[in-house]
C-alpha atoms as a PDB file:
ATOM      1  CA  UNK A   1     110.909  82.954 107.954  1.00  0.00           C
ATOM      2  CA  UNK A   2     112.265  85.744 106.072  1.00  0.00           C
ATOM      3  CA  UNK A   3     111.017  89.099 106.860  1.00  0.00           C
ATOM      4  CA  UNK A   4     111.789  92.679 105.144  1.00  0.00           C
ATOM      5  CA  UNK A   5     112.337  95.442 107.388  1.00  0.00           C
ATOM      6  CA  UNK A   6     112.740  99.085 106.236  1.00  0.00           C
ATOM      7  CA  UNK A   7     116.239 101.154 106.895  1.00  0.00           C
ATOM      8  CA  UNK A   8     114.146 103.011 109.456  1.00  0.00           C
ATOM      9  CA  UNK A   9     112.863  99.972 111.600  1.00  0.00           C
ATOM     10  CA  UNK A  10     116.427  98.564 111.195  1.00  0.00           C
ATOM     11  CA  UNK A  11     118.263 101.498 112.687  1.00  0.00           C
ATOM     12  CA  UNK A  12     115.061 102.174 115.433  1.00  0.00           C
ATOM     13  CA  UNK A  13     115.489  98.526 116.424  1.00  0.00           C
ATOM     14  CA  UNK A  14     119.291  98.717 116.847  1.00  0.00           C
ATOM     15  CA  UNK A  15     119.019 102.293 118.737  1.00  0.00           C
ATOM     16  CA  UNK A  16     116.241 100.638 121.115  1.00  0.00           C
ATOM     17  CA  UNK A  17     118.621  97.678 121.899  1.00  0.00           C
ATOM     18  CA  UNK A  18     121.581 100.230 122.676  1.00  0.00           C
ATOM     19  CA  UNK A  19     119.566 102.552 124.925  1.00  0.00           C
ATOM     20  CA  UNK A  20     118.914  99.431 127.155  1.00  0.00           C
ATOM     21  CA  UNK A  21     122.518  98.892 127.841  1.00  0.00           C
ATOM     22  CA  UNK A  22     123.715 100.841 131.033  1.00  0.00           C
ATOM     23  CA  UNK A  23     126.831 102.336 129.494  1.00  0.00           C
ATOM     24  CA  UNK A  24     124.609 103.989 127.089  1.00  0.00           C
ATOM     25  CA  UNK A  25     122.385 106.014 129.821  1.00  0.00           C
ATOM     26  CA  UNK A  26     124.599 109.218 129.758  1.00  0.00           C
ATOM     27  CA  UNK A  27     124.550 109.230 125.938  1.00  0.00           C
ATOM     28  CA  UNK A  28     120.795 108.694 125.939  1.00  0.00           C
ATOM     29  CA  UNK A  29     120.271 111.590 128.431  1.00  0.00           C
ATOM     30  CA  UNK A  30     122.383 114.005 126.616  1.00  0.00           C
ATOM     31  CA  UNK A  31     120.919 113.119 123.543  1.00  0.00           C
ATOM     32  CA  UNK A  32     117.156 113.433 124.844  1.00  0.00           C
ATOM     33  CA  UNK A  33     118.422 116.838 126.260  1.00  0.00           C
ATOM     34  CA  UNK A  34     119.773 117.973 123.353  1.00  0.00           C
ATOM     35  CA  UNK A  35     116.699 117.439 121.313  1.00  0.00           C
ATOM     36  CA  UNK A  36     114.403 118.792 124.205  1.00  0.00           C
ATOM     37  CA  UNK A  37     116.624 122.152 123.918  1.00  0.00           C
ATOM     38  CA  UNK A  38     116.370 122.276 120.171  1.00  0.00           C
ATOM     39  CA  UNK A  39     112.670 121.380 120.050  1.00  0.00           C
ATOM     40  CA  UNK A  40     111.790 124.007 122.532  1.00  0.00           C
ATOM     41  CA  UNK A  41     113.724 126.494 120.518  1.00  0.00           C
ATOM     42  CA  UNK A  42     111.963 125.374 117.350  1.00  0.00           C
ATOM     43  CA  UNK A  43     108.477 125.704 118.675  1.00  0.00           C
ATOM     44  CA  UNK A  44     109.340 129.180 119.891  1.00  0.00           C
ATOM     45  CA  UNK A  45     110.469 130.542 116.297  1.00  0.00           C
ATOM     46  CA  UNK A  46     107.129 128.775 115.160  1.00  0.00           C
ATOM     47  CA  UNK A  47     105.372 130.887 117.998  1.00  0.00           C
ATOM     48  CA  UNK A  48     107.123 133.944 117.247  1.00  0.00           C
ATOM     49  CA  UNK A  49     106.236 133.746 113.454  1.00  0.00           C
ATOM     50  CA  UNK A  50     102.570 133.470 113.743  1.00  0.00           C
ATOM     51  CA  UNK A  51     100.222 136.304 113.719  1.00  0.00           C
ATOM     52  CA  UNK A  52      97.169 136.478 116.311  1.00  0.00           C
ATOM     53  CA  UNK A  53      94.392 135.916 113.675  1.00  0.00           C
ATOM     54  CA  UNK A  54      96.137 132.797 112.276  1.00  0.00           C
ATOM     55  CA  UNK A  55      95.897 129.146 113.599  1.00  0.00           C
ATOM     56  CA  UNK A  56      98.587 126.956 112.557  1.00  0.00           C
ATOM     57  CA  UNK A  57      98.012 123.321 111.613  1.00  0.00           C
ATOM     58  CA  UNK A  58     101.793 121.697 111.637  1.00  0.00           C
ATOM     59  CA  UNK A  59     101.656 118.368 109.628  1.00  0.00           C
ATOM     60  CA  UNK A  60     103.995 115.494 110.024  1.00  0.00           C
ATOM     61  CA  UNK A  61     105.489 114.025 106.910  1.00  0.00           C
ATOM     62  CA  UNK A  62     103.140 110.874 106.326  1.00  0.00           C
ATOM     63  CA  UNK A  63      99.614 110.506 105.069  1.00  0.00           C
ATOM     64  CA  UNK A  64      97.782 109.436 108.219  1.00  0.00           C
ATOM     65  CA  UNK A  65      98.218 111.626 111.154  1.00  0.00           C
ATOM     66  CA  UNK A  66      97.717 114.561 108.958  1.00  0.00           C
ATOM     67  CA  UNK A  67      94.535 113.498 107.210  1.00  0.00           C
ATOM     68  CA  UNK A  68      93.032 112.268 110.580  1.00  0.00           C
ATOM     69  CA  UNK A  69      93.890 116.046 111.719  1.00  0.00           C
ATOM     70  CA  UNK A  70      92.580 117.856 108.651  1.00  0.00           C
ATOM     71  CA  UNK A  71      89.394 115.689 108.792  1.00  0.00           C
ATOM     72  CA  UNK A  72      88.024 118.176 111.367  1.00  0.00           C
ATOM     73  CA  UNK A  73      89.202 121.305 109.388  1.00  0.00           C
ATOM     74  CA  UNK A  74      85.368 122.221 108.762  1.00  0.00           C
ATOM     75  CA  UNK A  75      84.411 121.702 112.184  1.00  0.00           C
ATOM     76  CA  UNK A  76      87.673 123.992 113.389  1.00  0.00           C
ATOM     77  CA  UNK A  77      86.434 126.558 110.905  1.00  0.00           C
ATOM     78  CA  UNK A  78      82.911 126.580 112.400  1.00  0.00           C
ATOM     79  CA  UNK A  79      84.600 127.164 115.880  1.00  0.00           C
ATOM     80  CA  UNK A  80      87.031 129.390 115.057  1.00  0.00           C
ATOM     81  CA  UNK A  81      85.273 131.714 112.135  1.00  0.00           C
ATOM     82  CA  UNK A  82      87.428 134.807 112.589  1.00  0.00           C
ATOM     83  CA  UNK A  83      90.577 132.764 112.077  1.00  0.00           C
ATOM     84  CA  UNK A  84      92.847 132.106 109.212  1.00  0.00           C
ATOM     85  CA  UNK A  85      94.065 128.328 108.964  1.00  0.00           C
ATOM     86  CA  UNK A  86      97.717 127.934 107.810  1.00  0.00           C
ATOM     87  CA  UNK A  87      98.456 124.442 106.752  1.00  0.00           C
ATOM     88  CA  UNK A  88     102.061 123.779 107.240  1.00  0.00           C
ATOM     89  CA  UNK A  89     103.765 120.988 105.334  1.00  0.00           C
ATOM     90  CA  UNK A  90     106.480 120.131 102.886  1.00  0.00           C
ATOM     91  CA  UNK A  91     106.557 119.896  99.098  1.00  0.00           C
ATOM     92  CA  UNK A  92     106.271 116.084  98.914  1.00  0.00           C
ATOM     93  CA  UNK A  93     102.472 115.847  99.682  1.00  0.00           C
ATOM     94  CA  UNK A  94     101.675 119.367  98.714  1.00  0.00           C
ATOM     95  CA  UNK A  95      99.064 118.183  96.022  1.00  0.00           C
ATOM     96  CA  UNK A  96      96.827 116.250  98.731  1.00  0.00           C
ATOM     97  CA  UNK A  97      97.260 118.985 101.277  1.00  0.00           C
ATOM     98  CA  UNK A  98      96.425 121.645  98.935  1.00  0.00           C
ATOM     99  CA  UNK A  99      92.982 120.542  98.248  1.00  0.00           C
ATOM    100  CA  UNK A 100      91.962 121.610 101.773  1.00  0.00           C
ATOM    101  CA  UNK A 101      92.809 125.051 101.102  1.00  0.00           C
ATOM    102  CA  UNK A 102      90.039 127.988 100.634  1.00  0.00           C
ATOM    103  CA  UNK A 103      90.850 131.494  99.249  1.00  0.00           C
ATOM    104  CA  UNK A 104      91.860 133.627 102.324  1.00  0.00           C
ATOM    105  CA  UNK A 105      90.658 130.982 104.659  1.00  0.00           C
ATOM    106  CA  UNK A 106      92.644 128.107 104.568  1.00  0.00           C
ATOM    107  CA  UNK A 107      96.397 128.702 103.332  1.00  0.00           C
ATOM    108  CA  UNK A 108      99.033 126.385 102.536  1.00  0.00           C
ATOM    109  CA  UNK A 109     102.654 127.131 103.697  1.00  0.00           C
ATOM    110  CA  UNK A 110     105.414 125.132 102.455  1.00  0.00           C
ATOM    111  CA  UNK A 111     108.340 124.319 104.646  1.00  0.00           C
ATOM    112  CA  UNK A 112     111.986 125.129 103.988  1.00  0.00           C
ATOM    113  CA  UNK A 113     114.549 122.368 104.949  1.00  0.00           C
ATOM    114  CA  UNK A 114     115.249 124.126 108.421  1.00  0.00           C
ATOM    115  CA  UNK A 115     111.757 124.193 109.333  1.00  0.00           C
ATOM    116  CA  UNK A 116     111.236 120.519 108.232  1.00  0.00           C
ATOM    117  CA  UNK A 117     114.201 120.091 111.191  1.00  0.00           C
ATOM    118  CA  UNK A 118     112.262 122.265 113.715  1.00  0.00           C
ATOM    119  CA  UNK A 119     108.842 120.628 112.806  1.00  0.00           C
ATOM    120  CA  UNK A 120     110.724 116.723 113.149  1.00  0.00           C
ATOM    121  CA  UNK A 121     112.199 117.787 116.645  1.00  0.00           C
ATOM    122  CA  UNK A 122     108.908 119.177 117.703  1.00  0.00           C
ATOM    123  CA  UNK A 123     107.260 115.820 116.900  1.00  0.00           C
ATOM    124  CA  UNK A 124     109.911 113.512 118.011  1.00  0.00           C
ATOM    125  CA  UNK A 125     111.028 114.976 121.618  1.00  0.00           C
ATOM    126  CA  UNK A 126     110.052 112.796 124.562  1.00  0.00           C
ATOM    127  CA  UNK A 127     109.309 113.775 128.132  1.00  0.00           C
ATOM    128  CA  UNK A 128     107.714 117.170 126.957  1.00  0.00           C
ATOM    129  CA  UNK A 129     104.740 117.535 124.825  1.00  0.00           C
ATOM    130  CA  UNK A 130     105.038 119.806 122.198  1.00  0.00           C
ATOM    131  CA  UNK A 131     101.644 119.775 121.670  1.00  0.00           C
ATOM    132  CA  UNK A 132     100.364 120.827 124.885  1.00  0.00           C
ATOM    133  CA  UNK A 133     102.329 124.034 124.848  1.00  0.00           C
ATOM    134  CA  UNK A 134     101.719 124.852 121.190  1.00  0.00           C
ATOM    135  CA  UNK A 135      97.505 124.629 121.712  1.00  0.00           C
ATOM    136  CA  UNK A 136      97.686 127.587 123.982  1.00  0.00           C
ATOM    137  CA  UNK A 137      99.201 129.725 121.317  1.00  0.00           C
ATOM    138  CA  UNK A 138      96.984 128.475 118.503  1.00  0.00           C
ATOM    139  CA  UNK A 139      99.206 125.865 116.992  1.00  0.00           C
ATOM    140  CA  UNK A 140      97.622 122.513 116.523  1.00  0.00           C
ATOM    141  CA  UNK A 141     100.336 119.919 115.974  1.00  0.00           C
ATOM    142  CA  UNK A 142      98.494 117.179 113.681  1.00  0.00           C
ATOM    143  CA  UNK A 143     100.544 114.146 114.822  1.00  0.00           C
ATOM    144  CA  UNK A 144     100.168 111.075 117.509  1.00  0.00           C
ATOM    145  CA  UNK A 145     101.633 113.603 119.950  1.00  0.00           C
ATOM    146  CA  UNK A 146      98.441 115.698 119.944  1.00  0.00           C
ATOM    147  CA  UNK A 147      96.342 112.499 121.012  1.00  0.00           C
ATOM    148  CA  UNK A 148      98.802 111.967 124.109  1.00  0.00           C
ATOM    149  CA  UNK A 149      96.572 114.897 125.586  1.00  0.00           C
ATOM    150  CA  UNK A 150      93.335 112.910 125.459  1.00  0.00           C
ATOM    151  CA  UNK A 151      92.058 111.457 128.287  1.00  0.00           C
ATOM    152  CA  UNK A 152      89.992 108.989 126.912  1.00  0.00           C
ATOM    153  CA  UNK A 153      90.648 105.164 126.799  1.00  0.00           C
ATOM    154  CA  UNK A 154      93.118 103.696 124.560  1.00  0.00           C
ATOM    155  CA  UNK A 155      90.423 101.638 122.876  1.00  0.00           C
ATOM    156  CA  UNK A 156      89.340 104.659 120.952  1.00  0.00           C
ATOM    157  CA  UNK A 157      90.428 105.793 117.511  1.00  0.00           C
ATOM    158  CA  UNK A 158      93.152 108.621 116.751  1.00  0.00           C
ATOM    159  CA  UNK A 159      90.155 110.654 115.158  1.00  0.00           C
ATOM    160  CA  UNK A 160      88.219 110.672 118.261  1.00  0.00           C
ATOM    161  CA  UNK A 161      91.230 111.756 120.439  1.00  0.00           C
ATOM    162  CA  UNK A 162      91.893 114.402 118.386  1.00  0.00           C
ATOM    163  CA  UNK A 163      88.151 115.239 118.496  1.00  0.00           C
ATOM    164  CA  UNK A 164      88.539 115.326 122.242  1.00  0.00           C
ATOM    165  CA  UNK A 165      91.760 117.567 122.678  1.00  0.00           C
ATOM    166  CA  UNK A 166      90.517 120.067 120.041  1.00  0.00           C
ATOM    167  CA  UNK A 167      87.167 120.341 121.676  1.00  0.00           C
ATOM    168  CA  UNK A 168      85.102 118.934 118.285  1.00  0.00           C
ATOM    169  CA  UNK A 169      81.974 117.273 118.944  1.00  0.00           C
ATOM    170  CA  UNK A 170      81.743 113.686 117.738  1.00  0.00           C
ATOM    171  CA  UNK A 171      78.865 114.223 115.609  1.00  0.00           C
ATOM    172  CA  UNK A 172      80.817 116.795 113.491  1.00  0.00           C
ATOM    173  CA  UNK A 173      81.243 115.843 109.691  1.00  0.00           C
ATOM    174  CA  UNK A 174      84.549 114.384 108.534  1.00  0.00           C
ATOM    175  CA  UNK A 175      86.071 116.393 105.883  1.00  0.00           C
ATOM    176  CA  UNK A 176      88.129 114.114 103.194  1.00  0.00           C
ATOM    177  CA  UNK A 177      90.569 115.199 100.565  1.00  0.00           C
ATOM    178  CA  UNK A 178      89.720 115.999  97.052  1.00  0.00           C
ATOM    179  CA  UNK A 179      92.488 114.818  95.313  1.00  0.00           C
ATOM    180  CA  UNK A 180      91.843 114.852  91.515  1.00  0.00           C
ATOM    181  CA  UNK A 181      92.327 111.765  89.468  1.00  0.00           C
ATOM    182  CA  UNK A 182      95.122 111.725  86.801  1.00  0.00           C
ATOM    183  CA  UNK A 183      95.659 109.326  83.684  1.00  0.00           C
ATOM    184  CA  UNK A 184      96.592 105.851  84.580  1.00  0.00           C
ATOM    185  CA  UNK A 185     100.018 105.077  83.081  1.00  0.00           C
ATOM    186  CA  UNK A 186     101.516 102.431  85.352  1.00  0.00           C
ATOM    187  CA  UNK A 187      99.511  99.664  84.572  1.00  0.00           C
ATOM    188  CA  UNK A 188      98.883  98.304  80.926  1.00  0.00           C
ATOM    189  CA  UNK A 189      95.606  98.117  79.238  1.00  0.00           C
ATOM    190  CA  UNK A 190      93.852  99.279  82.571  1.00  0.00           C
ATOM    191  CA  UNK A 191      90.728 100.452  81.376  1.00  0.00           C
ATOM    192  CA  UNK A 192      90.278  96.795  79.947  1.00  0.00           C
ATOM    193  CA  UNK A 193      91.705  94.497  83.011  1.00  0.00           C
ATOM    194  CA  UNK A 194      90.465  97.082  85.718  1.00  0.00           C
ATOM    195  CA  UNK A 195      87.769  94.670  87.251  1.00  0.00           C
ATOM    196  CA  UNK A 196      90.048  92.066  87.873  1.00  0.00           C
ATOM    197  CA  UNK A 197      93.137  94.101  89.226  1.00  0.00           C
ATOM    198  CA  UNK A 198      93.936  94.016  92.838  1.00  0.00           C
ATOM    199  CA  UNK A 199      96.854  96.113  94.396  1.00  0.00           C
ATOM    200  CA  UNK A 200      99.078  94.512  97.458  1.00  0.00           C
ATOM    201  CA  UNK A 201     100.564  97.245  99.559  1.00  0.00           C
ATOM    202  CA  UNK A 202     102.795  95.012 101.666  1.00  0.00           C
ATOM    203  CA  UNK A 203     105.354  97.947 103.050  1.00  0.00           C
ATOM    204  CA  UNK A 204     105.460 100.362 105.832  1.00  0.00           C
ATOM    205  CA  UNK A 205     107.901 102.516 107.035  1.00  0.00           C
ATOM    206  CA  UNK A 206     107.598 101.492 110.727  1.00  0.00           C
ATOM    207  CA  UNK A 207     106.736  97.844 110.276  1.00  0.00           C
ATOM    208  CA  UNK A 208     107.545  94.585 109.535  1.00  0.00           C
ATOM    209  CA  UNK A 209     106.749  92.828 106.293  1.00  0.00           C
ATOM    210  CA  UNK A 210     105.716  89.244 106.552  1.00  0.00           C
ATOM    211  CA  UNK A 211     106.711  87.817 103.158  1.00  0.00           C
ATOM    212  CA  UNK A 212     105.248  84.528 103.646  1.00  0.00           C
ATOM    213  CA  UNK A 213     101.982  86.163 104.533  1.00  0.00           C
ATOM    214  CA  UNK A 214     101.537  88.525 101.319  1.00  0.00           C
ATOM    215  CA  UNK A 215     102.975  85.431  99.083  1.00  0.00           C
ATOM    216  CA  UNK A 216      99.939  83.457 100.397  1.00  0.00           C
ATOM    217  CA  UNK A 217      97.485  86.126  99.966  1.00  0.00           C
ATOM    218  CA  UNK A 218      98.866  86.651  96.620  1.00  0.00           C
ATOM    219  CA  UNK A 219      98.450  82.826  95.554  1.00  0.00           C
ATOM    220  CA  UNK A 220      94.859  82.702  96.683  1.00  0.00           C
ATOM    221  CA  UNK A 221      94.284  85.828  94.482  1.00  0.00           C
ATOM    222  CA  UNK A 222      96.059  84.227  91.528  1.00  0.00           C
ATOM    223  CA  UNK A 223      94.123  81.120  92.300  1.00  0.00           C
ATOM    224  CA  UNK A 224      91.086  82.950  91.488  1.00  0.00           C
ATOM    225  CA  UNK A 225      91.758  84.793  88.335  1.00  0.00           C
ATOM    226  CA  UNK A 226      92.950  88.267  89.533  1.00  0.00           C
ATOM    227  CA  UNK A 227      95.711  90.331  88.166  1.00  0.00           C
ATOM    228  CA  UNK A 228      97.869  91.205  91.145  1.00  0.00           C
ATOM    229  CA  UNK A 229      99.991  94.363  91.325  1.00  0.00           C
ATOM    230  CA  UNK A 230     102.391  94.959  94.338  1.00  0.00           C
ATOM    231  CA  UNK A 231     103.062  98.802  95.229  1.00  0.00           C
ATOM    232  CA  UNK A 232     106.492  99.014  95.677  1.00  0.00           C
ATOM    233  CA  UNK A 233     108.883 102.149  95.578  1.00  0.00           C
ATOM    234  CA  UNK A 234     112.938 102.077  94.958  1.00  0.00           C
ATOM    235  CA  UNK A 235     114.352  98.408  95.254  1.00  0.00           C
ATOM    236  CA  UNK A 236     111.535  96.838  97.235  1.00  0.00           C
ATOM    237  CA  UNK A 237     110.866  93.362  96.480  1.00  0.00           C
ATOM    238  CA  UNK A 238     107.798  92.563  94.407  1.00  0.00           C
ATOM    239  CA  UNK A 239     105.653  89.784  96.064  1.00  0.00           C
ATOM    240  CA  UNK A 240     106.062  86.322  94.329  1.00  0.00           C
ATOM    241  CA  UNK A 241     103.556  85.781  91.405  1.00  0.00           C
ATOM    242  CA  UNK A 242     102.564  89.641  91.040  1.00  0.00           C
ATOM    243  CA  UNK A 243     103.745  92.507  88.887  1.00  0.00           C
ATOM    244  CA  UNK A 244     105.485  95.729  89.974  1.00  0.00           C
ATOM    245  CA  UNK A 245     103.473  98.831  90.587  1.00  0.00           C
ATOM    246  CA  UNK A 246     105.467 101.906  90.673  1.00  0.00           C
ATOM    247  CA  UNK A 247     103.853 105.432  90.775  1.00  0.00           C
ATOM    248  CA  UNK A 248     103.198 108.288  92.930  1.00  0.00           C
ATOM    249  CA  UNK A 249     100.492 108.948  95.248  1.00  0.00           C
ATOM    250  CA  UNK A 250      98.451 110.990  92.735  1.00  0.00           C
ATOM    251  CA  UNK A 251      98.173 107.766  90.225  1.00  0.00           C
ATOM    252  CA  UNK A 252      97.643 105.394  93.297  1.00  0.00           C
ATOM    253  CA  UNK A 253      94.549 107.116  94.363  1.00  0.00           C
ATOM    254  CA  UNK A 254      93.429 107.096  90.621  1.00  0.00           C
ATOM    255  CA  UNK A 255      93.953 103.482  90.609  1.00  0.00           C
ATOM    256  CA  UNK A 256      92.546 102.152  93.613  1.00  0.00           C
ATOM    257  CA  UNK A 257      89.257 104.769  92.802  1.00  0.00           C
ATOM    258  CA  UNK A 258      88.464 102.229  89.772  1.00  0.00           C
ATOM    259  CA  UNK A 259      89.328  98.885  91.001  1.00  0.00           C
ATOM    260  CA  UNK A 260      87.449  96.918  93.781  1.00  0.00           C
ATOM    261  CA  UNK A 261      90.316  95.594  96.279  1.00  0.00           C
ATOM    262  CA  UNK A 262      93.362  96.805  97.874  1.00  0.00           C
ATOM    263  CA  UNK A 263      95.299  94.336 100.167  1.00  0.00           C
ATOM    264  CA  UNK A 264      97.444  96.098 102.311  1.00  0.00           C
ATOM    265  CA  UNK A 265      99.615  96.652 105.822  1.00  0.00           C
ATOM    266  CA  UNK A 266      98.387  99.216 107.763  1.00  0.00           C
ATOM    267  CA  UNK A 267     100.013 102.339 106.580  1.00  0.00           C
ATOM    268  CA  UNK A 268      98.930 105.864 106.102  1.00  0.00           C
ATOM    269  CA  UNK A 269      98.565 105.362 102.201  1.00  0.00           C
ATOM    270  CA  UNK A 270      95.210 103.824 103.442  1.00  0.00           C
ATOM    271  CA  UNK A 271      93.897 107.005 104.667  1.00  0.00           C
ATOM    272  CA  UNK A 272      94.603 108.502 101.452  1.00  0.00           C
ATOM    273  CA  UNK A 273      92.571 105.838  99.749  1.00  0.00           C
ATOM    274  CA  UNK A 274      89.483 106.036 101.688  1.00  0.00           C
ATOM    275  CA  UNK A 275      87.571 108.737 100.038  1.00  0.00           C
ATOM    276  CA  UNK A 276      88.002 106.235  96.787  1.00  0.00           C
ATOM    277  CA  UNK A 277      85.475 103.800  98.380  1.00  0.00           C
ATOM    278  CA  UNK A 278      87.785 100.695  97.487  1.00  0.00           C
ATOM    279  CA  UNK A 279      87.451  97.683  99.493  1.00  0.00           C
ATOM    280  CA  UNK A 280      90.205  96.708 101.815  1.00  0.00           C
ATOM    281  CA  UNK A 281      91.889  93.760 103.479  1.00  0.00           C
ATOM    282  CA  UNK A 282      94.002  95.312 106.126  1.00  0.00           C
ATOM    283  CA  UNK A 283      97.082  93.730 107.960  1.00  0.00           C
ATOM    284  CA  UNK A 284      97.898  95.245 111.388  1.00  0.00           C
ATOM    285  CA  UNK A 285     101.030  93.873 112.895  1.00  0.00           C
ATOM    286  CA  UNK A 286     100.530  93.630 116.681  1.00  0.00           C
ATOM    287  CA  UNK A 287     101.225  96.463 118.696  1.00  0.00           C
ATOM    288  CA  UNK A 288      99.314  97.717 121.845  1.00  0.00           C
ATOM    289  CA  UNK A 289      96.520  99.785 121.110  1.00  0.00           C
ATOM    290  CA  UNK A 290      97.557 100.144 117.605  1.00  0.00           C
ATOM    291  CA  UNK A 291      94.606  98.538 115.939  1.00  0.00           C
ATOM    292  CA  UNK A 292      92.194 100.634 117.908  1.00  0.00           C
ATOM    293  CA  UNK A 293      93.962 103.867 117.349  1.00  0.00           C
ATOM    294  CA  UNK A 294      94.253 103.548 113.577  1.00  0.00           C
ATOM    295  CA  UNK A 295      91.208 101.482 112.975  1.00  0.00           C
ATOM    296  CA  UNK A 296      89.706 102.631 109.411  1.00  0.00           C
ATOM    297  CA  UNK A 297      86.205 102.335 110.379  1.00  0.00           C
ATOM    298  CA  UNK A 298      86.517 105.990 112.040  1.00  0.00           C
ATOM    299  CA  UNK A 299      86.538 107.350 108.477  1.00  0.00           C
ATOM    300  CA  UNK A 300      82.904 105.957 107.975  1.00  0.00           C
ATOM    301  CA  UNK A 301      84.392 104.405 104.882  1.00  0.00           C
ATOM    302  CA  UNK A 302      81.690 103.686 101.783  1.00  0.00           C
ATOM    303  CA  UNK A 303      84.269 100.390 100.921  1.00  0.00           C
ATOM    304  CA  UNK A 304      84.101  97.090 103.030  1.00  0.00           C
ATOM    305  CA  UNK A 305      86.968  96.937 105.254  1.00  0.00           C
ATOM    306  CA  UNK A 306      88.425  93.708 106.984  1.00  0.00           C
ATOM    307  CA  UNK A 307      91.231  94.225 109.489  1.00  0.00           C
ATOM    308  CA  UNK A 308      93.379  91.388 110.810  1.00  0.00           C
ATOM    309  CA  UNK A 309      95.913  91.417 113.614  1.00  0.00           C
ATOM    310  CA  UNK A 310      99.230  89.230 113.060  1.00  0.00           C
ATOM    311  CA  UNK A 311     101.445  88.325 115.869  1.00  0.00           C
ATOM    312  CA  UNK A 312     103.634  85.371 114.605  1.00  0.00           C
ATOM    313  CA  UNK A 313     104.147  84.105 111.412  1.00  0.00           C
ATOM    314  CA  UNK A 314     102.175  80.834 112.264  1.00  0.00           C
ATOM    315  CA  UNK A 315      99.060  83.275 112.376  1.00  0.00           C
ATOM    316  CA  UNK A 316      99.134  83.023 108.618  1.00  0.00           C
ATOM    317  CA  UNK A 317      96.925  80.109 107.954  1.00  0.00           C
ATOM    318  CA  UNK A 318      94.177  81.774 110.001  1.00  0.00           C
ATOM    319  CA  UNK A 319      94.551  84.996 108.453  1.00  0.00           C
ATOM    320  CA  UNK A 320      94.202  83.378 104.841  1.00  0.00           C
ATOM    321  CA  UNK A 321      91.032  81.407 105.944  1.00  0.00           C
ATOM    322  CA  UNK A 322      89.888  85.207 106.780  1.00  0.00           C
ATOM    323  CA  UNK A 323      91.107  86.458 103.565  1.00  0.00           C
ATOM    324  CA  UNK A 324      89.194  83.766 101.455  1.00  0.00           C
ATOM    325  CA  UNK A 325      86.035  84.293 103.486  1.00  0.00           C
ATOM    326  CA  UNK A 326      86.231  88.247 102.854  1.00  0.00           C
ATOM    327  CA  UNK A 327      86.745  87.524  99.157  1.00  0.00           C
ATOM    328  CA  UNK A 328      83.595  85.561  99.264  1.00  0.00           C
ATOM    329  CA  UNK A 329      81.383  88.250 101.019  1.00  0.00           C
ATOM    330  CA  UNK A 330      82.707  90.632  98.620  1.00  0.00           C
ATOM    331  CA  UNK A 331      81.716  88.531  95.470  1.00  0.00           C
ATOM    332  CA  UNK A 332      78.170  87.612  97.051  1.00  0.00           C
ATOM    333  CA  UNK A 333      77.590  91.372  97.761  1.00  0.00           C
ATOM    334  CA  UNK A 334      78.340  92.118  94.069  1.00  0.00           C
ATOM    335  CA  UNK A 335      81.536  94.233  95.308  1.00  0.00           C
ATOM    336  CA  UNK A 336      83.999  92.118  93.278  1.00  0.00           C
ATOM    337  CA  UNK A 337      83.782  90.529  90.059  1.00  0.00           C
END
């Protein structure tokens, strides 16, 4: 069956296969050592730039890990009342991360291209956890690397791991982003049809898209009379029977704040959508510990969440049955029309 892969996933797969070849071992060792040296240098530069009264919150370029980290911002401010917090991110997600800022207390600093290279190296380097060394200098790297410092079991969410490493109590409240809604222009007659609109989000930068699964889910929605839109960028394929949705993340958040259901592969854009209260049917590709690590329930969502794990293409009928029951439950509870 046909699967859609991102360019990143294809390149990563090829590299991982090559790395297993014995003749590649010297190249792999040299490459890893090069990255290690560059990452150490990058972290030293970050430490040198930082003032003693500051705490750096270094964000990766996605949505998920940074939002998990920033969810603890209020608790961190309570813990370090005399510190100034500097959120370090790139301009692509500036609008969302700027909503966490406070005058003279939490400040956003955009990275230059050189800074981006340093940050990426710090995140990706193997055999040396930059997050551990950075912590002692008041630099919190909001990335999966930080969770590796946790000693709690693998069945725990990323948010709980962040809390443990940063010594934040489990009962501390979660802080959500406060992204402002914008005018919706990407969907014609949106106000008229929003009660019947469902968004499909089948693509992720790091996981397979099983087209037959999303086609089956789309068919079920169409059979029930819903208007289905596929969230796409660039030349991504629109799911058969649906219409394309091309918009920035601000408009995406505004759309899901007004509709009742999103059907999606597990990706960081769902962490963005959480405060909207939209109901979600979430598909996880089978990866050891991944489902528990990124379980959306950690957000204490107000929308109803149903998560399923797909291992093989022959899981489709079972997942479709769960989806159908989930739609029935939402309708019985008055969450969808």
